[in-house]
C-alpha atoms as a PDB file:
ATOM      1  CA  MET A   1      14.094  -1.193  -2.216  1.00  0.00           C
ATOM      2  CA  VAL A   2      13.810  -4.105   0.104  1.00  0.00           C
ATOM      3  CA  ARG A   3      10.942  -2.699   1.423  1.00  0.00           C
ATOM      4  CA  LYS A   4       9.043  -2.430  -1.848  1.00  0.00           C
ATOM      5  CA  ILE A   5       9.893  -5.918  -2.858  1.00  0.00           C
ATOM      6  CA  LEU A   6       8.509  -7.270   0.372  1.00  0.00           C
ATOM      7  CA  ALA A   7       5.357  -4.898  -0.124  1.00  0.00           C
ATOM      8  CA  VAL A   8       4.823  -6.503  -3.567  1.00  0.00           C
ATOM      9  CA  PHE A   9       5.357  -9.954  -2.296  1.00  0.00           C
ATOM     10  CA  ALA A  10       3.122  -9.444   0.531  1.00  0.00           C
ATOM     11  CA  GLY A  11       0.323  -8.398  -1.921  1.00  0.00           C
ATOM     12  CA  VAL A  12       0.678 -10.946  -4.573  1.00  0.00           C
ATOM     13  CA  ILE A  13       0.099 -13.275  -1.533  1.00  0.00           C
ATOM     14  CA  VAL A  14      -2.879 -11.687   0.134  1.00  0.00           C
ATOM     15  CA  ALA A  15      -4.627 -11.252  -2.834  1.00  0.00           C
ATOM     16  CA  SER A  16      -3.680 -14.501  -3.755  1.00  0.00           C
ATOM     17  CA  ILE A  17      -5.518 -15.905  -0.727  1.00  0.00           C
ATOM     18  CA  CYS A  18      -8.525 -13.589  -1.308  1.00  0.00           C
ATOM     19  CA  ILE A  19      -8.868 -14.981  -4.836  1.00  0.00           C
ATOM     20  CA  TRP A  20      -8.601 -18.517  -3.772  1.00  0.00           C
ATOM     21  CA  ALA A  21     -10.833 -17.939  -0.838  1.00  0.00           C
ATOM     22  CA  ILE A  22     -13.680 -16.805  -3.118  1.00  0.00           C
ATOM     23  CA  GLU A  23     -13.146 -19.286  -5.965  1.00  0.00           C
ATOM     24  CA  THR A  24     -13.336 -21.950  -3.085  1.00  0.00           C
ATOM     25  CA  LEU A  25     -16.730 -20.829  -2.475  1.00  0.00           C
ATOM     26  CA  ASN A  26     -17.856 -20.790  -6.146  1.00  0.00           C
ATOM     27  CA  HIS A  27     -16.573 -24.302  -6.233  1.00  0.00           C
ATOM     28  CA  MET A  28     -18.870 -25.145  -3.513  1.00  0.00           C
ATOM     29  CA  MET A  29     -21.802 -23.378  -5.269  1.00  0.00           C
ATOM     30  CA  TYR A  30     -20.794 -24.825  -8.630  1.00  0.00           C
ATOM     31  CA  PRO A  31     -18.880 -28.099  -7.872  1.00  0.00           C
ATOM     32  CA  TYR A  32     -16.752 -29.769 -10.325  1.00  0.00           C
ATOM     33  CA  PRO A  33     -18.519 -32.666 -12.314  1.00  0.00           C
ATOM     34  CA  ASP A  34     -18.118 -36.119 -10.332  1.00  0.00           C
ATOM     35  CA  GLY A  35     -14.947 -38.004 -11.647  1.00  0.00           C
ATOM     36  CA  MET A  36     -13.230 -35.302 -12.830  1.00  0.00           C
ATOM     37  CA  LYS A  37      -9.668 -35.571 -12.174  1.00  0.00           C
ATOM     38  CA  PRO A  38      -7.271 -32.720 -10.535  1.00  0.00           C
ATOM     39  CA  ASN A  39      -5.013 -32.397 -13.458  1.00  0.00           C
ATOM     40  CA  ASP A  40      -7.674 -33.064 -16.186  1.00  0.00           C
ATOM     41  CA  MET A  41      -7.169 -29.800 -17.955  1.00  0.00           C
ATOM     42  CA  GLU A  42     -10.036 -30.764 -20.788  1.00  0.00           C
ATOM     43  CA  GLY A  43     -12.315 -31.526 -17.953  1.00  0.00           C
ATOM     44  CA  PHE A  44     -11.487 -28.094 -16.633  1.00  0.00           C
ATOM     45  CA  LYS A  45     -12.022 -26.298 -19.757  1.00  0.00           C
ATOM     46  CA  SER A  46     -15.642 -28.190 -20.199  1.00  0.00           C
ATOM     47  CA  TYR A  47     -16.289 -27.463 -16.613  1.00  0.00           C
ATOM     48  CA  VAL A  48     -15.467 -23.772 -17.068  1.00  0.00           C
ATOM     49  CA  GLU A  49     -17.405 -23.528 -20.631  1.00  0.00           C
ATOM     50  CA  THR A  50     -20.582 -24.903 -18.721  1.00  0.00           C
ATOM     51  CA  LEU A  51     -20.393 -22.518 -15.710  1.00  0.00           C
ATOM     52  CA  PRO A  52     -23.483 -20.332 -15.570  1.00  0.00           C
ATOM     53  CA  PHE A  53     -22.981 -16.518 -15.559  1.00  0.00           C
ATOM     54  CA  LEU A  54     -22.684 -16.263 -11.709  1.00  0.00           C
ATOM     55  CA  GLY A  55     -19.944 -18.864 -11.459  1.00  0.00           C
ATOM     56  CA  LYS A  56     -17.916 -16.936 -13.898  1.00  0.00           C
ATOM     57  CA  PHE A  57     -18.991 -13.606 -12.576  1.00  0.00           C
ATOM     58  CA  MET A  58     -17.983 -15.136  -8.955  1.00  0.00           C
ATOM     59  CA  VAL A  59     -14.311 -15.360 -10.643  1.00  0.00           C
ATOM     60  CA  ILE A  60     -14.261 -11.319 -11.254  1.00  0.00           C
ATOM     61  CA  VAL A  61     -15.345 -10.839  -7.794  1.00  0.00           C
ATOM     62  CA  GLY A  62     -12.510 -12.761  -6.505  1.00  0.00           C
ATOM     63  CA  TYR A  63      -9.790 -10.833  -8.775  1.00  0.00           C
ATOM     64  CA  ALA A  64     -11.709  -7.424  -7.736  1.00  0.00           C
ATOM     65  CA  VAL A  65     -11.184  -8.413  -4.324  1.00  0.00           C
ATOM     66  CA  GLY A  66      -7.814  -9.455  -4.574  1.00  0.00           C
ATOM     67  CA  ALA A  67      -6.937  -6.337  -6.459  1.00  0.00           C
ATOM     68  CA  LEU A  68      -8.307  -3.968  -3.924  1.00  0.00           C
ATOM     69  CA  VAL A  69      -6.356  -5.804  -1.303  1.00  0.00           C
ATOM     70  CA  SER A  70      -3.145  -6.081  -2.982  1.00  0.00           C
ATOM     71  CA  GLY A  71      -3.241  -2.539  -3.536  1.00  0.00           C
ATOM     72  CA  PHE A  72      -4.089  -1.611   0.202  1.00  0.00           C
ATOM     73  CA  ILE A  73      -1.517  -4.193   1.718  1.00  0.00           C
ATOM     74  CA  ALA A  74       1.500  -3.278  -0.990  1.00  0.00           C
ATOM     75  CA  THR A  75       1.047   0.399  -0.203  1.00  0.00           C
ATOM     76  CA  LYS A  76       0.716  -0.035   3.617  1.00  0.00           C
ATOM     77  CA  ILE A  77       4.184  -2.193   3.638  1.00  0.00           C
ATOM     78  CA  SER A  78       6.113  -0.043   1.234  1.00  0.00           C
ATOM     79  CA  LYS A  79       5.135   3.093   3.162  1.00  0.00           C
ATOM     80  CA  ASP A  80       6.442   5.605   0.643  1.00  0.00           C
ATOM     81  CA  GLY A  81       3.236   6.837  -0.627  1.00  0.00           C
ATOM     82  CA  LYS A  82       3.661   6.131  -3.934  1.00  0.00           C
ATOM     83  CA  PRO A  83       1.345   3.701  -6.351  1.00  0.00           C
ATOM     84  CA  THR A  84       4.786   1.857  -7.450  1.00  0.00           C
ATOM     85  CA  ALA A  85       4.233  -1.354  -5.425  1.00  0.00           C
ATOM     86  CA  ALA A  86       0.510  -1.615  -5.806  1.00  0.00           C
ATOM     87  CA  ILE A  87       1.006  -1.236  -9.743  1.00  0.00           C
ATOM     88  CA  ILE A  88       3.423  -3.883  -9.852  1.00  0.00           C
ATOM     89  CA  CYS A  89       1.118  -6.530  -7.911  1.00  0.00           C
ATOM     90  CA  GLY A  90      -1.561  -5.445 -10.402  1.00  0.00           C
ATOM     91  CA  ILE A  91       0.582  -5.965 -13.438  1.00  0.00           C
ATOM     92  CA  VAL A  92       1.771  -9.360 -11.776  1.00  0.00           C
ATOM     93  CA  PHE A  93      -2.144 -10.535 -11.731  1.00  0.00           C
ATOM     94  CA  LEU A  94      -3.004  -8.860 -15.211  1.00  0.00           C
ATOM     95  CA  VAL A  95      -0.347 -11.156 -16.865  1.00  0.00           C
ATOM     96  CA  PHE A  96      -1.509 -14.394 -14.778  1.00  0.00           C
ATOM     97  CA  THR A  97      -5.449 -13.361 -15.558  1.00  0.00           C
ATOM     98  CA  ILE A  98      -4.610 -13.004 -19.404  1.00  0.00           C
ATOM     99  CA  TYR A  99      -2.779 -16.145 -19.176  1.00  0.00           C
ATOM    100  CA  ASN A 100      -5.786 -17.788 -17.653  1.00  0.00           C
ATOM    101  CA  MET A 101      -8.350 -16.628 -20.210  1.00  0.00           C
ATOM    102  CA  THR A 102      -6.238 -17.364 -23.199  1.00  0.00           C
ATOM    103  CA  VAL A 103      -5.967 -21.312 -21.984  1.00  0.00           C
ATOM    104  CA  LEU A 104      -9.802 -21.005 -20.678  1.00  0.00           C
ATOM    105  CA  PRO A 105     -12.866 -20.826 -22.536  1.00  0.00           C
ATOM    106  CA  THR A 106     -14.070 -17.471 -21.378  1.00  0.00           C
ATOM    107  CA  PRO A 107     -16.611 -15.127 -22.920  1.00  0.00           C
ATOM    108  CA  ILE A 108     -15.672 -11.774 -24.153  1.00  0.00           C
ATOM    109  CA  TRP A 109     -17.463  -9.642 -21.026  1.00  0.00           C
ATOM    110  CA  PHE A 110     -14.930 -11.552 -18.820  1.00  0.00           C
ATOM    111  CA  TRP A 111     -12.041 -10.380 -20.849  1.00  0.00           C
ATOM    112  CA  ILE A 112     -13.034  -6.940 -20.501  1.00  0.00           C
ATOM    113  CA  LEU A 113     -13.939  -7.189 -16.720  1.00  0.00           C
ATOM    114  CA  GLY A 114     -10.991  -9.443 -16.136  1.00  0.00           C
ATOM    115  CA  ILE A 115      -8.603  -7.078 -17.601  1.00  0.00           C
ATOM    116  CA  LEU A 116     -10.260  -3.564 -16.252  1.00  0.00           C
ATOM    117  CA  VAL A 117     -10.583  -5.144 -12.851  1.00  0.00           C
ATOM    118  CA  TRP A 118      -6.974  -4.968 -11.912  1.00  0.00           C
ATOM    119  CA  ILE A 119      -7.195  -1.260 -11.830  1.00  0.00           C
ATOM    120  CA  LEU A 120      -8.850  -1.503  -8.532  1.00  0.00           C
ATOM    121  CA  VAL A 121      -5.127  -1.841  -7.160  1.00  0.00           C
ATOM    122  CA  LEU A 122      -5.264   1.691  -7.197  1.00  0.00           C
ATOM    123  CA  ALA A 123      -8.225   2.034  -5.300  1.00  0.00           C
ATOM    124  CA  GLY A 124      -6.526  -0.104  -2.517  1.00  0.00           C
ATOM    125  CA  TYR A 125      -3.346   2.209  -3.166  1.00  0.00           C
ATOM    126  CA  ARG A 126      -5.552   5.397  -2.473  1.00  0.00           C
ATOM    127  CA  LEU A 127      -7.627   3.530   0.595  1.00  0.00           C
ATOM    128  CA  ALA A 128      -4.039   2.906   2.301  1.00  0.00           C
ATOM    129  CA  LEU A 129      -3.182   6.554   2.189  1.00  0.00           C
ATOM    130  CA  ASN A 130      -6.254   7.508   4.095  1.00  0.00           C
ATOM    131  CA  LYS A 131      -5.063   9.263   7.144  1.00  0.00           C
ATOM    132  CA  LYS A 132      -8.438   9.355   8.979  1.00  0.00           C
ATOM    133  CA  GLN A 133      -8.681   7.328  11.968  1.00  0.00           C
END
């Protein structure tokens, strides 16, 4: 049981780092407006609203990489061959994703992909089970 908890914790941490790294790259490509304060929610909403397609799509790419890595790491650490830890990681991130989409102006395609992409934790789970060396 402790191993599964640690597996979920590790999966969430590693996925968060992946998402952060890709979103950091995205912010380099599409920088924040000059003078925007870090805690300015209205300014951030405006920034998100004016992001071009690629800027929004990069967030989905971050989620996809995070989902894949999360499922992989959680499965490798749990060592039980079951998808439980990977699925829990996916649910945790799905909740955060839905929250973000409710507070930020996101188009319908972003909602669809933002929800579906977390199924990739199962692909990470399958990759972790691959015994080929």
